[in-house]
Amino acid sequence: MSTATIRIPEKKRDTLKIIASIEKREMKEILSELIDEYIKRHKETLEILSRPEWLEMIEKGKKEVAKKIKGKTLNELED
């Protein structure tokens, strides 16, 4: 597995070191876990962004709402 170097603010690094020490874990293990959680939370967004037709629909909807041409209320969306 290849590795990458990241820069984080010194204060955050020091806090992470303390937490890692208390939990008897390595910082890289904690950071890897955090990255996995971040990716999982954003997976749906990545899927949407990978489909050009969805992006076009989103942009069209945003323009319609901005121009007040169309758009739906929350109640209409729930139906």
N, C-alpha and C. Protein backbone atom coordinates (compact mmCIF):
# COMPACT_ATOMS: atom_id res chain seq x y z
N MET A 1 0.85 -1.17 0.00
CA MET A 1 0.00 0.00 0.00
C MET A 1 0.89 1.23 0.00
N SER A 2 0.58 2.16 -0.90
CA SER A 2 1.35 3.40 -0.92
C SER A 2 0.79 4.35 0.14
N THR A 3 1.58 5.33 0.49
CA THR A 3 1.17 6.27 1.53
C THR A 3 1.22 7.69 0.98
N ALA A 4 0.61 8.59 1.71
CA ALA A 4 0.61 10.01 1.35
C ALA A 4 0.89 10.82 2.61
N THR A 5 1.53 11.93 2.42
CA THR A 5 1.80 12.83 3.54
C THR A 5 0.74 13.92 3.51
N ILE A 6 0.16 14.19 4.68
CA ILE A 6 -0.82 15.27 4.77
C ILE A 6 -0.35 16.29 5.81
N ARG A 7 -0.82 17.50 5.64
CA ARG A 7 -0.49 18.54 6.60
C ARG A 7 -1.77 18.90 7.35
N ILE A 8 -1.66 18.88 8.66
CA ILE A 8 -2.78 19.33 9.49
C ILE A 8 -2.23 20.35 10.48
N PRO A 9 -3.09 21.24 10.93
CA PRO A 9 -2.62 22.24 11.89
C PRO A 9 -2.00 21.56 13.13
N GLU A 10 -0.97 22.19 13.63
CA GLU A 10 -0.21 21.62 14.75
C GLU A 10 -1.09 21.31 15.95
N LYS A 11 -2.01 22.20 16.27
CA LYS A 11 -2.88 22.00 17.43
C LYS A 11 -3.74 20.75 17.26
N LYS A 12 -4.28 20.56 16.05
CA LYS A 12 -5.09 19.36 15.79
C LYS A 12 -4.23 18.11 15.84
N ARG A 13 -3.02 18.21 15.30
CA ARG A 13 -2.11 17.05 15.35
C ARG A 13 -1.81 16.67 16.78
N ASP A 14 -1.54 17.66 17.62
CA ASP A 14 -1.22 17.38 19.02
C ASP A 14 -2.40 16.75 19.75
N THR A 15 -3.59 17.25 19.47
CA THR A 15 -4.79 16.68 20.09
C THR A 15 -4.99 15.25 19.62
N LEU A 16 -4.79 15.00 18.33
CA LEU A 16 -4.92 13.65 17.80
C LEU A 16 -3.90 12.71 18.42
N LYS A 17 -2.69 13.19 18.64
CA LYS A 17 -1.66 12.38 19.29
C LYS A 17 -2.09 11.97 20.68
N ILE A 18 -2.68 12.91 21.41
CA ILE A 18 -3.13 12.61 22.78
C ILE A 18 -4.24 11.56 22.75
N ILE A 19 -5.21 11.75 21.85
CA ILE A 19 -6.30 10.78 21.74
C ILE A 19 -5.77 9.41 21.36
N ALA A 20 -4.87 9.37 20.38
CA ALA A 20 -4.29 8.09 19.95
C ALA A 20 -3.56 7.41 21.09
N SER A 21 -2.86 8.18 21.89
CA SER A 21 -2.13 7.64 23.03
C SER A 21 -3.08 7.05 24.06
N ILE A 22 -4.14 7.79 24.35
CA ILE A 22 -5.12 7.32 25.34
C ILE A 22 -5.80 6.04 24.85
N GLU A 23 -6.13 6.00 23.57
CA GLU A 23 -6.81 4.83 23.00
C GLU A 23 -5.84 3.71 22.62
N LYS A 24 -4.54 3.97 22.78
CA LYS A 24 -3.51 2.99 22.40
C LYS A 24 -3.67 2.56 20.93
N ARG A 25 -3.82 3.58 20.08
CA ARG A 25 -3.96 3.36 18.64
C ARG A 25 -2.96 4.25 17.92
N GLU A 26 -2.68 3.90 16.68
CA GLU A 26 -1.80 4.73 15.87
C GLU A 26 -2.62 5.83 15.21
N MET A 27 -2.00 6.99 15.02
CA MET A 27 -2.69 8.10 14.38
C MET A 27 -3.15 7.73 12.98
N LYS A 28 -2.33 7.00 12.24
CA LYS A 28 -2.71 6.63 10.87
C LYS A 28 -3.95 5.76 10.85
N GLU A 29 -4.12 4.94 11.88
CA GLU A 29 -5.31 4.09 11.99
C GLU A 29 -6.56 4.96 12.20
N ILE A 30 -6.45 5.95 13.08
CA ILE A 30 -7.57 6.86 13.34
C ILE A 30 -7.90 7.66 12.09
N LEU A 31 -6.88 8.20 11.43
CA LEU A 31 -7.10 8.99 10.23
C LEU A 31 -7.71 8.16 9.11
N SER A 32 -7.27 6.93 8.97
CA SER A 32 -7.82 6.04 7.95
C SER A 32 -9.31 5.78 8.22
N GLU A 33 -9.65 5.57 9.47
CA GLU A 33 -11.04 5.36 9.87
C GLU A 33 -11.89 6.60 9.55
N LEU A 34 -11.36 7.76 9.86
CA LEU A 34 -12.08 9.01 9.58
C LEU A 34 -12.30 9.21 8.08
N ILE A 35 -11.29 8.90 7.29
CA ILE A 35 -11.40 9.02 5.83
C ILE A 35 -12.45 8.05 5.30
N ASP A 36 -12.46 6.82 5.81
CA ASP A 36 -13.46 5.84 5.39
C ASP A 36 -14.87 6.34 5.70
N GLU A 37 -15.07 6.91 6.88
CA GLU A 37 -16.38 7.44 7.27
C GLU A 37 -16.78 8.61 6.36
N TYR A 38 -15.83 9.47 6.04
CA TYR A 38 -16.09 10.62 5.17
C TYR A 38 -16.52 10.15 3.78
N ILE A 39 -15.81 9.19 3.24
CA ILE A 39 -16.14 8.64 1.92
C ILE A 39 -17.53 8.01 1.94
N LYS A 40 -17.82 7.26 2.98
CA LYS A 40 -19.13 6.61 3.10
C LYS A 40 -20.24 7.65 3.12
N ARG A 41 -20.05 8.75 3.88
CA ARG A 41 -21.07 9.80 3.97
C ARG A 41 -21.29 10.50 2.63
N HIS A 42 -20.26 10.57 1.81
CA HIS A 42 -20.35 11.32 0.55
C HIS A 42 -20.52 10.43 -0.68
N LYS A 43 -20.70 9.14 -0.47
CA LYS A 43 -20.82 8.22 -1.59
C LYS A 43 -22.00 8.57 -2.49
N GLU A 44 -23.14 8.91 -1.89
CA GLU A 44 -24.31 9.25 -2.70
C GLU A 44 -24.04 10.48 -3.56
N THR A 45 -23.36 11.46 -3.00
CA THR A 45 -23.02 12.66 -3.76
C THR A 45 -22.11 12.30 -4.93
N LEU A 46 -21.15 11.43 -4.69
CA LEU A 46 -20.25 11.00 -5.77
C LEU A 46 -21.03 10.29 -6.88
N GLU A 47 -22.01 9.49 -6.49
CA GLU A 47 -22.82 8.79 -7.49
C GLU A 47 -23.62 9.78 -8.33
N ILE A 48 -24.19 10.78 -7.68
CA ILE A 48 -24.96 11.80 -8.40
C ILE A 48 -24.06 12.57 -9.36
N LEU A 49 -22.89 12.98 -8.86
CA LEU A 49 -21.98 13.77 -9.68
C LEU A 49 -21.42 12.97 -10.86
N SER A 50 -21.45 11.65 -10.77
CA SER A 50 -20.91 10.82 -11.85
C SER A 50 -21.94 10.62 -12.97
N ARG A 51 -23.15 11.12 -12.79
CA ARG A 51 -24.20 10.97 -13.80
C ARG A 51 -24.55 12.33 -14.39
N PRO A 52 -24.04 12.63 -15.57
CA PRO A 52 -24.26 13.95 -16.18
C PRO A 52 -25.73 14.33 -16.30
N GLU A 53 -26.60 13.35 -16.59
CA GLU A 53 -28.02 13.68 -16.76
C GLU A 53 -28.63 14.16 -15.45
N TRP A 54 -28.15 13.65 -14.32
CA TRP A 54 -28.66 14.11 -13.02
C TRP A 54 -28.19 15.53 -12.74
N LEU A 55 -26.94 15.80 -13.10
CA LEU A 55 -26.43 17.15 -12.90
C LEU A 55 -27.22 18.15 -13.72
N GLU A 56 -27.56 17.77 -14.95
CA GLU A 56 -28.35 18.65 -15.81
C GLU A 56 -29.73 18.91 -15.19
N MET A 57 -30.35 17.87 -14.65
CA MET A 57 -31.66 18.03 -14.02
C MET A 57 -31.58 18.93 -12.78
N ILE A 58 -30.53 18.77 -12.01
CA ILE A 58 -30.34 19.60 -10.82
C ILE A 58 -30.16 21.05 -11.21
N GLU A 59 -29.31 21.29 -12.21
CA GLU A 59 -29.07 22.67 -12.67
C GLU A 59 -30.35 23.29 -13.21
N LYS A 60 -31.12 22.51 -13.99
CA LYS A 60 -32.37 23.01 -14.55
C LYS A 60 -33.33 23.38 -13.42
N GLY A 61 -33.43 22.52 -12.43
CA GLY A 61 -34.30 22.79 -11.28
C GLY A 61 -33.88 24.02 -10.51
N LYS A 62 -32.59 24.20 -10.32
CA LYS A 62 -32.09 25.38 -9.61
C LYS A 62 -32.44 26.66 -10.37
N LYS A 63 -32.30 26.62 -11.70
CA LYS A 63 -32.63 27.80 -12.51
C LYS A 63 -34.13 28.11 -12.44
N GLU A 64 -34.95 27.05 -12.50
CA GLU A 64 -36.39 27.25 -12.42
C GLU A 64 -36.80 27.86 -11.09
N VAL A 65 -36.20 27.37 -10.03
CA VAL A 65 -36.51 27.92 -8.71
C VAL A 65 -36.05 29.36 -8.61
N ALA A 66 -34.86 29.65 -9.12
CA ALA A 66 -34.34 31.02 -9.07
C ALA A 66 -35.22 31.98 -9.85
N LYS A 67 -35.76 31.52 -10.99
CA LYS A 67 -36.63 32.36 -11.82
C LYS A 67 -38.08 32.28 -11.37
N LYS A 68 -38.35 31.43 -10.38
CA LYS A 68 -39.71 31.21 -9.86
C LYS A 68 -40.66 30.74 -10.95
N ILE A 69 -40.11 30.02 -11.94
CA ILE A 69 -40.93 29.46 -13.02
C ILE A 69 -41.69 28.26 -12.50
N LYS A 70 -40.97 27.38 -11.88
CA LYS A 70 -41.56 26.14 -11.38
C LYS A 70 -41.10 25.96 -9.95
N GLY A 71 -40.88 24.74 -9.62
CA GLY A 71 -40.47 24.43 -8.27
C GLY A 71 -41.63 23.79 -7.52
N LYS A 72 -41.33 23.06 -6.51
CA LYS A 72 -42.35 22.36 -5.74
C LYS A 72 -42.17 22.66 -4.27
N THR A 73 -43.27 22.69 -3.57
CA THR A 73 -43.20 22.84 -2.11
C THR A 73 -42.81 21.49 -1.51
N LEU A 74 -42.44 21.49 -0.25
CA LEU A 74 -42.10 20.24 0.42
C LEU A 74 -43.30 19.31 0.45
N ASN A 75 -44.49 19.86 0.62
CA ASN A 75 -45.70 19.02 0.61
C ASN A 75 -45.89 18.33 -0.73
N GLU A 76 -45.61 19.05 -1.81
CA GLU A 76 -45.75 18.46 -3.14
C GLU A 76 -44.73 17.34 -3.35
N LEU A 77 -43.55 17.51 -2.80
CA LEU A 77 -42.51 16.49 -2.96
C LEU A 77 -42.84 15.22 -2.17
N GLU A 78 -43.57 15.38 -1.07
CA GLU A 78 -43.92 14.22 -0.23
C GLU A 78 -44.99 13.36 -0.86
N ASP A 79 -45.79 13.93 -1.76
CA ASP A 79 -46.88 13.18 -2.39
C ASP A 79 -46.37 12.17 -3.37
